[in-house]
């Protein structure tokens, strides 16, 4: 018969999780129980899983050189959903997190819009209802000049992104205004001679 020795805990590990009966020991959290006494199933983030697949699909389209693949570098997620500790949620709200913001944003202006706000739900029948705050964000985005979209599932989200990618770029009419405030972020190279790095084609 083969016996196995457990690796002894380090002092730091022992302090983090003392043995049962010792001071500071935390018992494992019990699973929630249904009315019939059976353990409640752990929630599955179907929507989050489909969103991850959508981003991987965009990466694949980028590698294939398709028009919609261009969105991979221009699409980002807004981490407003999901379950978080109370302190974390409070800190995020203090830092500007808002409920209802759409799941994905594409920062490319097309079809007369400034960009795309995409609210993604899981494929039916696992989809959730559109929350009032999510509806208000889509409605407000449309008013501010952003293309609002709701997609029920991965395949519909793909169709939304393909269609948006097929639209022509939004044209800016007139000159853009330039901010007078803020720190300059366009760093110019310095060769030590006071120039901005340009080549000197003059000859003697």
Protein backbone atom coordinates (compact mmCIF):
# COMPACT_ATOMS: atom_id res chain seq x y z
CA UNK A 1 0.00 0.00 0.00
CA UNK A 2 1.36 3.40 -1.00
CA UNK A 3 1.20 6.21 1.51
CA UNK A 4 1.47 9.87 0.67
CA UNK A 5 2.70 12.64 2.89
CA UNK A 6 0.98 15.95 2.74
CA UNK A 7 3.26 18.90 2.25
CA UNK A 8 3.59 20.81 5.54
CA UNK A 9 2.12 24.28 5.56
CA UNK A 10 4.36 27.27 5.73
CA UNK A 11 3.92 29.73 8.60
CA UNK A 12 2.22 32.23 6.29
CA UNK A 13 -0.24 29.58 5.03
CA UNK A 14 -1.01 28.48 8.59
CA UNK A 15 -1.78 32.07 9.57
CA UNK A 16 -4.09 32.53 6.58
CA UNK A 17 -6.02 29.33 7.25
CA UNK A 18 -5.57 27.96 10.77
CA UNK A 19 -6.62 24.32 11.38
CA UNK A 20 -10.17 23.52 12.60
CA UNK A 21 -10.64 24.47 16.23
CA UNK A 22 -7.84 27.02 16.18
CA UNK A 23 -8.43 30.71 16.61
CA UNK A 24 -9.14 32.42 13.31
CA UNK A 25 -10.24 29.26 11.47
CA UNK A 26 -12.96 29.91 8.91
CA UNK A 27 -15.32 27.09 8.14
CA UNK A 28 -16.08 26.55 4.44
CA UNK A 29 -19.17 28.37 3.26
CA UNK A 30 -22.20 26.10 2.99
CA UNK A 31 -24.07 25.93 -0.28
CA UNK A 32 -27.53 27.42 -0.40
CA UNK A 33 -30.40 24.97 0.03
CA UNK A 34 -33.60 24.79 -2.00
CA UNK A 35 -37.02 24.50 -0.34
CA UNK A 36 -36.97 20.73 -0.87
CA UNK A 37 -33.64 20.44 0.96
CA UNK A 38 -31.47 19.79 -2.09
CA UNK A 39 -28.32 21.89 -2.64
CA UNK A 40 -28.88 24.86 -4.91
CA UNK A 41 -27.01 24.71 -8.20
CA UNK A 42 -24.17 27.14 -8.65
CA UNK A 43 -25.11 29.96 -11.06
CA UNK A 44 -23.60 29.75 -14.54
CA UNK A 45 -22.56 32.94 -16.32
CA UNK A 46 -23.90 31.98 -19.75
CA UNK A 47 -23.75 35.56 -20.96
CA UNK A 48 -20.13 35.99 -19.88
CA UNK A 49 -19.13 32.76 -21.59
CA UNK A 50 -20.72 33.84 -24.88
CA UNK A 51 -19.08 37.25 -24.64
CA UNK A 52 -15.67 35.60 -24.24
CA UNK A 53 -16.35 33.44 -27.32
CA UNK A 54 -17.39 36.57 -29.25
CA UNK A 55 -14.08 38.29 -28.46
CA UNK A 56 -12.14 35.17 -29.51
CA UNK A 57 -14.15 35.14 -32.74
CA UNK A 58 -13.21 38.77 -33.38
CA UNK A 59 -9.55 37.86 -32.87
CA UNK A 60 -9.91 35.05 -35.40
CA UNK A 61 -11.55 37.41 -37.89
CA UNK A 62 -8.69 39.86 -37.40
CA UNK A 63 -6.16 37.15 -38.17
CA UNK A 64 -8.16 36.24 -41.31
CA UNK A 65 -8.17 39.88 -42.39
CA UNK A 66 -11.96 40.29 -42.61
CA UNK A 67 -13.61 43.72 -42.25
CA UNK A 68 -15.25 42.84 -38.93
CA UNK A 69 -11.91 41.65 -37.60
CA UNK A 70 -10.80 45.27 -37.50
CA UNK A 71 -13.10 45.70 -34.52
CA UNK A 72 -10.96 43.43 -32.32
CA UNK A 73 -8.59 46.31 -31.57
CA UNK A 74 -11.46 48.77 -31.15
CA UNK A 75 -13.90 46.80 -29.00
CA UNK A 76 -13.66 46.68 -25.22
CA UNK A 77 -15.83 45.43 -22.38
CA UNK A 78 -17.28 47.46 -19.54
CA UNK A 79 -16.84 45.52 -16.24
CA UNK A 80 -20.11 46.57 -14.63
CA UNK A 81 -21.83 43.20 -14.27
CA UNK A 82 -21.13 40.13 -12.19
CA UNK A 83 -21.05 39.44 -8.46
CA UNK A 84 -18.48 41.31 -6.39
CA UNK A 85 -17.66 41.87 -2.78
CA UNK A 86 -19.51 44.78 -1.23
CA UNK A 87 -16.32 46.79 -0.70
CA UNK A 88 -15.21 46.24 -4.29
CA UNK A 89 -18.61 47.26 -5.67
CA UNK A 90 -18.62 50.39 -3.49
CA UNK A 91 -15.12 51.35 -4.63
CA UNK A 92 -16.02 50.83 -8.30
CA UNK A 93 -19.12 53.01 -7.93
CA UNK A 94 -17.05 55.74 -6.30
CA UNK A 95 -14.63 55.55 -9.24
CA UNK A 96 -17.39 56.06 -11.80
CA UNK A 97 -18.92 52.65 -12.44
CA UNK A 98 -22.58 52.94 -13.48
CA UNK A 99 -25.33 50.39 -13.79
CA UNK A 100 -26.87 49.81 -17.19
CA UNK A 101 -23.79 50.55 -19.29
CA UNK A 102 -23.71 48.22 -22.30
CA UNK A 103 -21.43 45.18 -22.25
CA UNK A 104 -19.30 46.03 -25.27
CA UNK A 105 -18.24 49.30 -26.87
CA UNK A 106 -16.76 49.66 -30.35
CA UNK A 107 -14.86 52.94 -30.64
CA UNK A 108 -15.12 53.22 -34.41
CA UNK A 109 -17.42 55.80 -36.01
CA UNK A 110 -19.47 54.33 -38.85
CA UNK A 111 -22.75 54.97 -40.62
CA UNK A 112 -23.12 58.50 -39.22
CA UNK A 113 -22.70 57.26 -35.63
CA UNK A 114 -19.88 58.02 -33.20
CA UNK A 115 -19.52 54.38 -32.16
CA UNK A 116 -21.43 51.24 -31.17
CA UNK A 117 -22.87 50.25 -27.78
CA UNK A 118 -23.74 46.54 -27.74
CA UNK A 119 -25.78 44.97 -24.96
CA UNK A 120 -25.29 41.20 -25.09
CA UNK A 121 -27.64 38.65 -23.59
CA UNK A 122 -27.24 34.88 -23.55
CA UNK A 123 -28.82 32.82 -26.31
CA UNK A 124 -32.51 32.08 -25.57
CA UNK A 125 -33.85 30.42 -23.48
CA UNK A 126 -30.98 31.40 -21.15
CA UNK A 127 -31.33 35.12 -21.89
CA UNK A 128 -32.25 37.62 -19.18
CA UNK A 129 -34.66 40.51 -19.54
CA UNK A 130 -33.30 43.92 -20.47
CA UNK A 131 -33.05 45.85 -17.20
CA UNK A 132 -34.56 49.35 -17.07
CA UNK A 133 -31.08 50.85 -16.52
CA UNK A 134 -29.80 49.02 -19.62
CA UNK A 135 -32.71 50.30 -21.69
CA UNK A 136 -32.07 53.85 -20.49
CA UNK A 137 -28.38 53.59 -21.40
CA UNK A 138 -29.15 52.36 -24.93
CA UNK A 139 -31.78 55.07 -25.36
CA UNK A 140 -29.42 57.76 -24.08
CA UNK A 141 -26.58 56.50 -26.27
CA UNK A 142 -28.80 56.79 -29.33
CA UNK A 143 -29.67 60.37 -28.38
CA UNK A 144 -25.95 61.23 -28.01
CA UNK A 145 -25.14 59.85 -31.45
CA UNK A 146 -24.03 56.29 -30.67
CA UNK A 147 -25.48 53.26 -32.41
CA UNK A 148 -27.37 51.19 -29.81
CA UNK A 149 -27.80 47.44 -30.25
CA UNK A 150 -29.22 44.52 -28.28
CA UNK A 151 -28.08 41.02 -29.26
CA UNK A 152 -29.66 37.85 -27.94
CA UNK A 153 -26.79 35.40 -28.10
CA UNK A 154 -23.49 34.93 -29.84
CA UNK A 155 -24.76 34.53 -33.41
CA UNK A 156 -26.92 37.65 -33.32
CA UNK A 157 -23.97 39.62 -31.88
CA UNK A 158 -21.83 38.46 -34.81
CA UNK A 159 -24.48 39.67 -37.26
CA UNK A 160 -24.65 43.06 -35.52
CA UNK A 161 -20.88 43.53 -35.70
CA UNK A 162 -20.68 42.37 -39.33
CA UNK A 163 -23.41 44.82 -40.34
CA UNK A 164 -21.82 47.72 -38.46
CA UNK A 165 -18.46 46.90 -40.08
CA UNK A 166 -20.09 47.06 -43.53
CA UNK A 167 -21.13 50.69 -43.04
CA UNK A 168 -18.88 53.51 -44.32
CA UNK A 169 -16.81 55.55 -41.91
CA UNK A 170 -18.54 58.56 -40.41
CA UNK A 171 -17.29 61.77 -42.00
CA UNK A 172 -16.47 64.76 -39.80
CA UNK A 173 -17.80 68.03 -41.19
CA UNK A 174 -15.82 71.13 -40.30
CA UNK A 175 -12.75 71.49 -38.13
CA UNK A 176 -12.37 69.71 -34.82
CA UNK A 177 -11.90 71.84 -31.74
CA UNK A 178 -8.71 71.37 -29.75
CA UNK A 179 -8.66 71.35 -25.95
CA UNK A 180 -6.72 74.11 -24.28
CA UNK A 181 -6.56 72.18 -20.98
CA UNK A 182 -4.84 68.91 -20.20
CA UNK A 183 -1.30 67.59 -20.44
CA UNK A 184 0.21 66.95 -23.85
CA UNK A 185 0.32 63.19 -24.44
CA UNK A 186 1.86 63.20 -27.92
CA UNK A 187 5.51 62.81 -27.02
CA UNK A 188 7.95 64.26 -29.52
CA UNK A 189 11.36 62.61 -29.88
CA UNK A 190 14.33 64.64 -28.76
CA UNK A 191 17.72 64.11 -30.42
CA UNK A 192 19.39 66.54 -28.07
CA UNK A 193 19.73 69.22 -30.74
CA UNK A 194 16.33 70.79 -30.19
CA UNK A 195 14.81 69.13 -33.29
CA UNK A 196 11.79 66.82 -33.35
CA UNK A 197 13.58 63.95 -35.02
CA UNK A 198 13.13 64.99 -38.65
CA UNK A 199 15.82 64.25 -41.21
CA UNK A 200 17.95 67.01 -42.71
CA UNK A 201 18.25 66.57 -46.47
CA UNK A 202 20.37 69.67 -47.02
CA UNK A 203 23.90 69.17 -48.36
CA UNK A 204 26.95 71.41 -48.34
